[in-house]
Amino acid sequence: MSSAPAPAPQGRETADVVVVGAGPGGSATAAYLAGRGIDVVLLEKAAFPRDKICGDGLTPRAVKELIRLGVDTTGWARTHGLRIIGGGRTFTLDWPDTGSFPNYGLVRTRAQLDETLARHAQGRGARLHERTSVTAPLRDGTGRVVGVSAKRLDDRGRPTGEVVEYHAPVVVAADGVSSRLATAVGREKREDRVMGVAVRAYYRTPRRDDYLESHLELWTTDDAGQRMLMPGYGWLFPLEDGRTNVGLGILDTSSAFGKTDYKDVMRRWVDSLAERWALEPDLSAGPIRGAALPMGFNRTPLYADGLLLVGDAAGMVNPFNGEGIDYALEAGRVSADVIAQALARGGADAREQALTAYPRIMKDELGGYFTLGRWFARAIGNPEVMRLATKYGLPRTALMRLLLKIMANLPEEHGGRADDRLVRMLSRMAPDA
């Protein structure tokens, strides 16, 4: 954020909580808070509908969070499971049928999903301000964050000249992978965490499908000109309107990371799908676009000095599969509960004690699992490991079912079968991320 002197504010609003960013995590936080009668302001730089780079696929874990939030998903594209293609084989897995999670997934464009969630929060009583670009945190004499300063934007995204301050005893940063708000208070991204990159575009296709499709073989060339298998996967996630979201995600654990034209890799891969999918680019949705994937709690602390981090701002992306929406929704639910408990306490010290529970809860829930994902990501960064895993893992049905539960984080939460207990045990045994 700019270090130049900020213009004097023309307006001031106060609230119990200010949430910066109306993506899934921010809107979920605001919706849960507003539903408890808490006065919450939700600030969004863009105007809805607006796009975000994403695969648009929602696993049963994300669906469970949407149900908890009370979101109506009628008419959204449903998926029955995952089709995996690699090593010359095709393997189809249904989503696990358990008591803990729904047995279906969903696909919804981020333009649709994010607006739905923001309007849901607004409908519950959150004060949503679109075209409001947060420029700096407001801090008291102790360094505690007590609000934010923001610029109003016009319908072309240009500053109008109006500056507004939003004051609250608690601020939530849900402002995405770059998290300018968290960076402004000194919370930089951790270099010891896995990062990824995703590129995607929309295509029209006559094919109708109710399975997510994942391709495990994405090739590039190394410095010596040799073909090299990259750690990651390509996807086709079908929408309800005759289009499919097509993209690829690559981890930074490969020596080719940062040296590869991922858009070119995707174009060549899409060409190889022509016979099966008959893909035609949806030019109205724009070209191939890319974004970073912050994984495994890559920005910490999750709470300090009045500022909580939610979603991509905290690096809450699953290193196993690049999924972040479910964890952003979960963090919104947990953060809202912690904030509500804090605001209900009388003094500042008691409130602060309650807020410090947020990192502990999130680390207890996801820390060990994210560590497993980080180890997995580093392992498959070796092309030979990736090749062997594809060659010998895919033919084994029991192993693939276990891997689906691990990679999508879908074990039965209590009891269950041996594989459910194994996934939970591994997560508990791994050190917190």
Protein backbone atom coordinates (compact mmCIF):
# COMPACT_ATOMS: atom_id res chain seq x y z
CA MET A 1 0.00 0.00 0.00
CA SER A 2 1.20 3.49 -0.78
CA SER A 3 3.38 5.31 1.77
CA ALA A 4 2.31 8.71 0.42
CA PRO A 5 0.24 10.87 2.76
CA ALA A 6 -3.39 9.88 2.51
CA PRO A 7 -6.00 12.51 1.67
CA ALA A 8 -8.26 13.61 4.50
CA PRO A 9 -11.36 11.42 4.82
CA GLN A 10 -14.69 12.86 3.70
CA GLY A 11 -16.67 10.22 5.59
CA ARG A 12 -16.54 7.97 8.61
CA GLU A 13 -18.51 4.87 9.48
CA THR A 14 -18.34 2.74 12.60
CA ALA A 15 -19.29 -0.91 13.03
CA ASP A 16 -18.63 -3.86 15.29
CA VAL A 17 -16.58 -5.56 12.58
CA VAL A 18 -15.09 -4.50 9.24
CA VAL A 19 -14.51 -7.26 6.67
CA VAL A 20 -12.26 -6.43 3.72
CA GLY A 21 -12.97 -8.51 0.60
CA ALA A 22 -16.28 -10.08 -0.48
CA GLY A 23 -14.97 -13.38 -1.78
CA PRO A 24 -16.23 -16.64 -0.24
CA GLY A 25 -14.32 -16.18 3.03
CA GLY A 26 -15.22 -12.54 3.56
CA SER A 27 -18.87 -12.94 2.63
CA ALA A 28 -19.23 -16.04 4.82
CA THR A 29 -17.70 -14.19 7.76
CA ALA A 30 -20.03 -11.24 7.24
CA ALA A 31 -23.10 -13.45 6.79
CA TYR A 32 -22.47 -15.41 9.97
CA LEU A 33 -21.78 -12.23 11.96
CA ALA A 34 -24.82 -10.36 10.63
CA GLY A 35 -26.98 -13.41 11.33
CA ARG A 36 -26.02 -13.05 14.99
CA GLY A 37 -27.14 -9.41 15.04
CA ILE A 38 -23.60 -8.01 14.86
CA ASP A 39 -23.10 -4.78 12.92
CA VAL A 40 -20.67 -5.68 10.11
CA VAL A 41 -19.42 -3.69 7.14
CA LEU A 42 -18.30 -5.71 4.09
CA LEU A 43 -16.00 -3.85 1.66
CA GLU A 44 -15.41 -4.98 -1.94
CA LYS A 45 -13.14 -3.25 -4.44
CA ALA A 46 -15.05 -4.43 -7.52
CA ALA A 47 -18.75 -4.38 -8.38
CA PHE A 48 -20.72 -7.60 -8.75
CA PRO A 49 -20.76 -9.65 -10.84
CA ARG A 50 -16.98 -9.87 -11.11
CA ASP A 51 -14.72 -12.71 -12.17
CA LYS A 52 -12.00 -14.53 -10.24
CA ILE A 53 -9.48 -17.04 -11.56
CA CYS A 54 -10.66 -20.41 -10.24
CA GLY A 55 -11.61 -23.90 -11.33
CA ASP A 56 -15.19 -23.29 -10.09
CA GLY A 57 -15.39 -26.85 -8.70
CA LEU A 58 -16.89 -27.35 -5.25
CA THR A 59 -16.21 -30.65 -3.50
CA PRO A 60 -18.64 -32.14 -0.95
CA ARG A 61 -16.62 -30.40 1.77
CA ALA A 62 -17.47 -27.02 0.23
CA VAL A 63 -21.08 -28.06 -0.34
CA LYS A 64 -21.39 -28.87 3.36
CA GLU A 65 -20.23 -25.35 4.23
CA LEU A 66 -22.71 -23.80 1.79
CA ILE A 67 -25.52 -25.80 3.40
CA ARG A 68 -24.42 -24.63 6.85
CA LEU A 69 -24.46 -21.07 5.59
CA GLY A 70 -28.00 -21.46 4.29
CA VAL A 71 -27.21 -20.80 0.62
CA ASP A 72 -29.77 -22.01 -1.94
CA THR A 73 -27.90 -24.02 -4.60
CA THR A 74 -30.95 -25.02 -6.65
CA GLY A 75 -30.04 -25.22 -10.33
CA TRP A 76 -26.28 -25.36 -9.82
CA ALA A 77 -24.41 -28.05 -11.77
CA ARG A 78 -24.02 -31.17 -9.61
CA THR A 79 -21.16 -33.65 -9.85
CA HIS A 80 -21.17 -37.29 -8.78
CA GLY A 81 -17.42 -37.67 -8.44
CA LEU A 82 -14.05 -37.46 -10.12
CA ARG A 83 -12.72 -39.01 -13.33
CA ILE A 84 -8.92 -39.34 -13.31
CA ILE A 85 -6.94 -39.79 -16.53
CA GLY A 86 -3.24 -40.61 -16.64
CA GLY A 87 -0.74 -43.24 -17.66
CA GLY A 88 -3.02 -44.37 -20.47
CA ARG A 89 -5.78 -45.23 -17.99
CA THR A 90 -9.10 -43.73 -16.96
CA PHE A 91 -10.41 -44.20 -13.45
CA THR A 92 -13.81 -43.00 -12.21
CA LEU A 93 -14.55 -42.46 -8.52
CA ASP A 94 -17.83 -41.41 -6.94
CA TRP A 95 -17.67 -38.98 -4.06
CA PRO A 96 -17.52 -40.92 -0.75
CA ASP A 97 -20.96 -41.74 0.64
CA THR A 98 -20.60 -40.81 4.32
CA GLY A 99 -22.64 -39.26 7.07
CA SER A 100 -20.23 -36.33 7.40
CA PHE A 101 -20.45 -34.91 3.87
CA PRO A 102 -23.01 -34.75 1.04
CA ASN A 103 -22.45 -37.32 -1.70
CA TYR A 104 -22.33 -34.69 -4.46
CA GLY A 105 -20.25 -31.72 -5.51
CA LEU A 106 -21.15 -28.55 -7.40
CA VAL A 107 -19.73 -26.37 -10.16
CA ARG A 108 -20.48 -22.64 -10.19
CA THR A 109 -18.58 -19.79 -11.82
CA ARG A 110 -16.93 -17.45 -9.36
CA ALA A 111 -18.80 -14.55 -10.92
CA GLN A 112 -22.03 -16.27 -9.85
CA LEU A 113 -20.82 -17.82 -6.60
CA ASP A 114 -19.22 -14.71 -5.15
CA GLU A 115 -22.20 -12.50 -5.92
CA THR A 116 -24.55 -15.10 -4.41
CA LEU A 117 -22.53 -15.16 -1.19
CA ALA A 118 -22.18 -11.38 -0.99
CA ARG A 119 -25.93 -10.88 -1.50
CA HIS A 120 -26.57 -13.60 1.06
CA ALA A 121 -24.49 -11.66 3.59
CA GLN A 122 -26.28 -8.46 2.61
CA GLY A 123 -29.64 -10.16 3.02
CA ARG A 124 -28.69 -11.15 6.55
CA GLY A 125 -27.94 -7.53 7.42
CA ALA A 126 -24.31 -6.92 6.46
CA ARG A 127 -23.63 -3.45 5.05
CA LEU A 128 -22.05 -4.22 1.68
CA HIS A 129 -20.06 -1.45 -0.02
CA GLU A 130 -18.95 -2.27 -3.57
CA ARG A 131 -16.42 -0.18 -5.54
CA THR A 132 -14.62 0.54 -2.27
CA SER A 133 -10.84 0.07 -2.39
CA VAL A 134 -9.14 -0.28 0.98
CA THR A 135 -5.87 1.66 0.93
CA ALA A 136 -4.49 1.36 4.47
CA PRO A 137 -5.17 0.00 7.93
CA LEU A 138 -6.01 2.41 10.72
CA ARG A 139 -3.98 1.76 13.89
CA ASP A 140 -4.09 3.16 17.40
CA GLY A 141 -1.11 4.19 19.50
CA THR A 142 -0.36 0.58 20.45
CA GLY A 143 -0.27 -0.60 16.84
CA ARG A 144 -3.63 -2.35 17.04
CA VAL A 145 -5.74 -2.29 13.86
CA VAL A 146 -8.91 -0.33 14.59
CA GLY A 147 -10.27 0.14 11.08
CA VAL A 148 -9.35 0.87 7.48
CA SER A 149 -9.16 3.80 5.11
CA ALA A 150 -10.73 3.36 1.68
CA LYS A 151 -11.30 5.15 -1.62
CA ARG A 152 -14.58 5.12 -3.47
CA LEU A 153 -14.32 4.05 -7.13
CA ASP A 154 -16.51 4.93 -10.09
CA ASP A 155 -18.09 2.39 -12.44
CA ARG A 156 -14.82 2.18 -14.42
CA GLY A 157 -12.73 1.46 -11.33
CA ARG A 158 -11.25 4.95 -11.06
CA PRO A 159 -11.03 6.86 -7.75
CA THR A 160 -13.80 9.39 -7.31
CA GLY A 161 -11.78 11.42 -4.82
CA GLU A 162 -13.98 10.38 -1.91
CA VAL A 163 -12.10 8.84 1.02
CA VAL A 164 -13.94 7.07 3.83
CA GLU A 165 -12.71 5.64 7.13
CA TYR A 166 -14.33 2.54 8.60
CA HIS A 167 -13.74 2.03 12.32
CA ALA A 168 -14.33 -1.18 14.28
CA PRO A 169 -12.76 -3.04 17.22
CA VAL A 170 -12.16 -6.06 14.95
CA VAL A 171 -11.04 -6.13 11.29
CA VAL A 172 -11.02 -9.19 9.01
CA ALA A 173 -8.66 -9.33 6.03
CA ALA A 174 -10.24 -11.52 3.34
CA ASP A 175 -8.62 -9.59 0.49
CA GLY A 176 -7.05 -12.44 -1.45
CA VAL A 177 -3.63 -13.85 -2.20
CA SER A 178 -1.80 -10.51 -2.20
CA SER A 179 -3.63 -9.33 0.96
CA ARG A 180 -2.48 -5.76 0.83
CA LEU A 181 -4.02 -5.21 4.24
CA ALA A 182 -2.04 -8.02 5.92
CA THR A 183 1.13 -6.95 4.12
CA ALA A 184 0.67 -3.38 5.35
CA VAL A 185 0.88 -4.57 8.96
CA GLY A 186 3.97 -6.68 8.29
CA ARG A 187 2.53 -10.13 7.66
CA GLU A 188 4.49 -11.24 4.63
CA LYS A 189 4.09 -14.55 2.79
CA ARG A 190 6.14 -17.41 4.20
CA GLU A 191 8.78 -18.73 1.82
CA ASP A 192 8.71 -22.21 3.40
CA ARG A 193 5.20 -22.87 2.14
CA VAL A 194 4.17 -24.40 -1.17
CA MET A 195 2.81 -22.09 -3.83
CA GLY A 196 1.05 -22.90 -7.05
CA VAL A 197 -0.25 -21.23 -10.17
CA ALA A 198 -3.52 -21.86 -11.96
CA VAL A 199 -4.56 -20.86 -15.47
CA ARG A 200 -8.04 -21.32 -16.87
CA ALA A 201 -10.55 -20.32 -19.54
CA TYR A 202 -14.14 -21.20 -20.46
CA TYR A 203 -15.03 -23.38 -23.44
CA ARG A 204 -18.28 -24.46 -25.03
CA THR A 205 -18.81 -28.16 -25.64
CA PRO A 206 -21.68 -30.38 -26.80
CA ARG A 207 -20.66 -32.95 -24.20
CA ARG A 208 -22.66 -33.20 -20.98
CA ASP A 209 -20.99 -34.66 -17.93
CA ASP A 210 -21.65 -34.91 -14.21
CA TYR A 211 -18.10 -35.85 -13.21
CA LEU A 212 -15.15 -33.55 -12.66
CA GLU A 213 -12.35 -34.65 -14.96
CA SER A 214 -8.70 -34.52 -13.90
CA HIS A 215 -5.69 -35.20 -16.18
CA LEU A 216 -2.48 -36.08 -14.36
CA GLU A 217 -0.02 -35.79 -17.25
CA LEU A 218 1.10 -32.25 -18.05
CA TRP A 219 4.40 -32.09 -19.93
CA THR A 220 7.03 -29.42 -20.42
CA THR A 221 10.76 -29.48 -21.30
CA ASP A 222 13.67 -29.03 -18.91
CA ASP A 223 16.79 -26.92 -19.46
CA ALA A 224 18.32 -29.75 -21.49
CA GLY A 225 15.31 -29.92 -23.79
CA GLN A 226 14.06 -33.20 -22.32
CA ARG A 227 10.34 -33.80 -21.75
CA MET A 228 9.45 -33.50 -18.08
CA LEU A 229 6.24 -34.38 -16.22
CA MET A 230 5.09 -31.46 -14.11
CA PRO A 231 3.55 -31.73 -10.61
CA GLY A 232 -0.06 -30.74 -11.04
CA TYR A 233 -3.10 -31.57 -13.11
CA GLY A 234 -5.37 -30.34 -15.83
CA TRP A 235 -9.11 -30.13 -15.25
CA LEU A 236 -12.45 -29.92 -17.01
CA PHE A 237 -15.30 -28.90 -14.71
CA PRO A 238 -18.71 -28.85 -16.46
CA LEU A 239 -21.16 -26.02 -15.89
CA GLU A 240 -24.93 -26.11 -16.23
CA ASP A 241 -25.00 -23.72 -19.22
CA GLY A 242 -23.22 -25.90 -21.82
CA ARG A 243 -19.75 -24.64 -21.01
CA THR A 244 -16.88 -26.18 -19.10
CA ASN A 245 -14.17 -24.56 -17.01
CA VAL A 246 -10.84 -25.81 -18.40
CA GLY A 247 -7.56 -25.17 -16.67
CA LEU A 248 -4.40 -26.46 -15.11
CA GLY A 249 -2.69 -26.08 -11.76
CA ILE A 250 1.07 -26.43 -11.25
CA LEU A 251 3.06 -26.53 -8.01
CA ASP A 252 6.27 -24.58 -7.41
CA THR A 253 8.03 -27.77 -6.28
CA SER A 254 9.10 -28.50 -9.87
CA SER A 255 12.38 -27.20 -11.29
CA ALA A 256 10.33 -25.97 -14.27
CA PHE A 257 8.25 -23.61 -12.12
CA GLY A 258 8.59 -20.04 -13.29
CA LYS A 259 10.36 -21.13 -16.48
CA THR A 260 7.31 -22.47 -18.28
CA ASP A 261 4.70 -20.74 -20.37
CA TYR A 262 1.69 -22.31 -18.66
CA LYS A 263 -0.77 -20.76 -21.07
CA ASP A 264 1.06 -22.43 -23.94
CA VAL A 265 1.06 -25.75 -22.07
CA MET A 266 -2.67 -25.38 -21.61
CA ARG A 267 -3.31 -24.56 -25.28
CA ARG A 268 -1.44 -27.66 -26.42
CA TRP A 269 -3.20 -29.80 -23.83
CA VAL A 270 -6.62 -28.45 -24.89
CA ASP A 271 -5.79 -29.34 -28.50
CA SER A 272 -5.20 -32.93 -27.39
CA LEU A 273 -8.75 -33.06 -25.99
CA ALA A 274 -10.44 -32.12 -29.26
CA GLU A 275 -11.70 -35.60 -30.14
CA ARG A 276 -13.34 -36.26 -26.75
CA TRP A 277 -14.66 -32.81 -25.85
CA ALA A 278 -14.97 -30.74 -29.08
CA LEU A 279 -14.02 -27.60 -27.17
CA GLU A 280 -14.68 -24.14 -28.62
CA PRO A 281 -13.35 -21.09 -26.73
CA ASP A 282 -16.01 -18.90 -25.15
CA LEU A 283 -14.55 -15.59 -26.28
CA SER A 284 -17.14 -13.62 -24.34
CA ALA A 285 -15.62 -14.94 -21.10
CA GLY A 286 -12.16 -13.67 -21.98
CA PRO A 287 -8.79 -15.31 -22.72
CA ILE A 288 -6.77 -17.77 -20.66
CA ARG A 289 -5.96 -16.08 -17.36
CA GLY A 290 -3.78 -17.06 -14.42
CA ALA A 291 -3.50 -16.55 -10.68
CA ALA A 292 -1.33 -17.64 -7.77
CA LEU A 293 -2.47 -20.31 -5.29
CA PRO A 294 -1.27 -19.62 -1.71
CA MET A 295 -1.14 -22.91 0.17
CA GLY A 296 -0.87 -24.39 3.65
CA PHE A 297 -1.18 -21.24 5.83
CA ASN A 298 1.48 -19.29 3.96
CA ARG A 299 0.80 -16.07 5.86
CA THR A 300 0.79 -15.97 9.65
CA PRO A 301 -0.15 -15.16 12.34
CA LEU A 302 -3.79 -15.76 11.52
CA TYR A 303 -4.69 -13.27 14.24
CA ALA A 304 -2.81 -10.47 15.97
CA ASP A 305 -3.50 -6.89 17.06
CA GLY A 306 -7.14 -6.70 16.00
CA LEU A 307 -6.69 -8.22 12.51
CA LEU A 308 -7.85 -11.73 11.50
CA LEU A 309 -6.89 -13.38 8.21
CA VAL A 310 -9.41 -15.50 6.28
CA GLY A 311 -9.14 -17.51 3.06
CA ASP A 312 -6.43 -16.79 0.50
CA ALA A 313 -5.17 -13.89 2.62
CA ALA A 314 -3.93 -16.55 5.05
CA GLY A 315 -2.93 -19.10 2.39
CA MET A 316 -5.82 -21.46 3.15
CA VAL A 317 -5.50 -23.48 -0.06
CA ASN A 318 -5.21 -27.27 0.09
CA PRO A 319 -1.73 -28.32 -1.14
CA PHE A 320 -3.15 -31.68 -2.27
CA ASN A 321 -5.56 -30.33 -4.87
CA GLY A 322 -5.43 -26.52 -5.01
CA GLU A 323 -8.91 -26.14 -3.50
CA GLY A 324 -9.51 -23.08 -1.36
CA ILE A 325 -13.21 -22.21 -1.36
CA ASP A 326 -14.21 -24.80 1.25
CA TYR A 327 -11.47 -23.68 3.65
CA ALA A 328 -12.35 -20.01 3.14
CA LEU A 329 -15.98 -20.79 3.99
CA GLU A 330 -14.89 -22.79 7.02
CA ALA A 331 -12.60 -19.99 8.20
CA GLY A 332 -15.48 -17.54 7.80
CA ARG A 333 -17.64 -19.70 10.04
CA VAL A 334 -14.93 -20.15 12.68
CA SER A 335 -13.82 -16.52 12.64
CA ALA A 336 -17.40 -15.30 13.04
CA ASP A 337 -17.92 -17.58 16.03
CA VAL A 338 -14.68 -16.39 17.66
CA ILE A 339 -15.47 -12.73 16.98
CA ALA A 340 -18.99 -13.09 18.37
CA GLN A 341 -17.57 -14.64 21.55
CA ALA A 342 -15.02 -11.82 21.81
CA LEU A 343 -17.51 -8.99 21.33
CA ALA A 344 -19.79 -10.49 23.98
CA ARG A 345 -17.06 -10.13 26.62
CA GLY A 346 -16.85 -7.01 28.72
CA GLY A 347 -13.32 -5.67 28.66
CA ALA A 348 -10.58 -5.29 26.08
CA ASP A 349 -8.38 -7.93 27.73
CA ALA A 350 -11.16 -10.52 27.76
CA ARG A 351 -12.00 -9.72 24.14
CA GLU A 352 -8.38 -10.13 23.11
CA GLN A 353 -8.14 -13.46 24.90
CA ALA A 354 -11.14 -14.74 22.95
CA LEU A 355 -9.73 -13.55 19.60
CA THR A 356 -6.46 -15.40 20.11
CA ALA A 357 -8.41 -18.68 19.96
CA TYR A 358 -8.86 -18.29 16.20
CA PRO A 359 -5.36 -19.42 15.12
CA ARG A 360 -5.47 -22.35 17.53
CA ILE A 361 -8.81 -23.57 16.22
CA MET A 362 -7.76 -23.30 12.59
CA LYS A 363 -4.40 -24.98 13.21
CA ASP A 364 -6.05 -27.77 15.22
CA GLU A 365 -8.52 -28.36 12.39
CA LEU A 366 -6.23 -28.02 9.37
CA GLY A 367 -2.61 -27.68 10.47
CA GLY A 368 -1.61 -31.35 10.35
CA TYR A 369 -3.56 -31.95 7.15
CA PHE A 370 -1.88 -29.01 5.41
CA THR A 371 1.51 -30.36 6.49
CA LEU A 372 0.68 -33.70 4.85
CA GLY A 373 -0.26 -31.79 1.72
CA ARG A 374 3.00 -29.89 1.76
CA TRP A 375 4.99 -33.14 2.02
CA PHE A 376 2.95 -34.60 -0.84
CA ALA A 377 3.54 -31.52 -3.00
CA ARG A 378 7.28 -31.66 -2.45
CA ALA A 379 7.36 -35.39 -3.24
CA ILE A 380 5.60 -35.10 -6.58
CA GLY A 381 7.88 -32.22 -7.51
CA ASN A 382 10.26 -35.00 -8.51
CA PRO A 383 9.19 -36.01 -12.05
CA GLU A 384 10.14 -39.64 -11.42
CA VAL A 385 7.92 -39.81 -8.32
CA MET A 386 5.07 -38.27 -10.34
CA ARG A 387 5.59 -40.79 -13.15
CA LEU A 388 5.65 -43.79 -10.81
CA ALA A 389 2.61 -42.57 -8.90
CA THR A 390 0.66 -42.23 -12.14
CA LYS A 391 1.83 -45.56 -13.52
CA TYR A 392 1.34 -47.75 -10.45
CA GLY A 393 -1.25 -45.88 -8.40
CA LEU A 394 -4.10 -45.51 -10.90
CA PRO A 395 -4.81 -49.24 -11.43
CA ARG A 396 -5.40 -49.85 -7.71
CA THR A 397 -9.03 -49.14 -6.84
CA ALA A 398 -8.70 -49.26 -3.05
CA LEU A 399 -5.66 -46.98 -3.13
CA MET A 400 -7.40 -44.46 -5.38
CA ARG A 401 -10.46 -44.34 -3.12
CA LEU A 402 -8.17 -43.66 -0.17
CA LEU A 403 -6.32 -40.97 -2.10
CA LEU A 404 -9.61 -39.29 -3.03
CA LYS A 405 -10.56 -39.09 0.64
CA ILE A 406 -7.12 -37.73 1.51
CA MET A 407 -6.78 -35.24 -1.34
CA ALA A 408 -10.31 -33.84 -1.03
CA ASN A 409 -10.21 -34.09 2.80
CA LEU A 410 -13.40 -36.14 3.02
CA PRO A 411 -12.92 -38.70 5.82
CA GLU A 412 -15.86 -39.56 8.06
CA GLU A 413 -15.41 -37.11 10.93
CA HIS A 414 -16.24 -39.67 13.64
CA GLY A 415 -15.82 -43.43 13.42
CA GLY A 416 -16.19 -44.68 9.87
CA ARG A 417 -14.16 -47.27 8.02
CA ALA A 418 -10.48 -48.08 8.34
CA ASP A 419 -9.55 -45.59 5.61
CA ASP A 420 -11.45 -42.80 7.38
CA ARG A 421 -9.60 -43.52 10.61
CA LEU A 422 -6.28 -43.65 8.73
CA VAL A 423 -6.78 -40.20 7.19
CA ARG A 424 -7.68 -38.70 10.58
CA MET A 425 -4.72 -40.41 12.26
CA LEU A 426 -2.24 -39.15 9.65
CA SER A 427 -3.54 -35.60 10.04
CA ARG A 428 -3.21 -35.79 13.82
CA MET A 429 0.30 -37.23 13.68
CA ALA A 430 1.67 -34.62 11.27
CA PRO A 431 3.02 -31.43 12.87
CA ASP A 432 0.89 -28.32 12.48
CA ALA A 433 1.50 -26.22 9.40
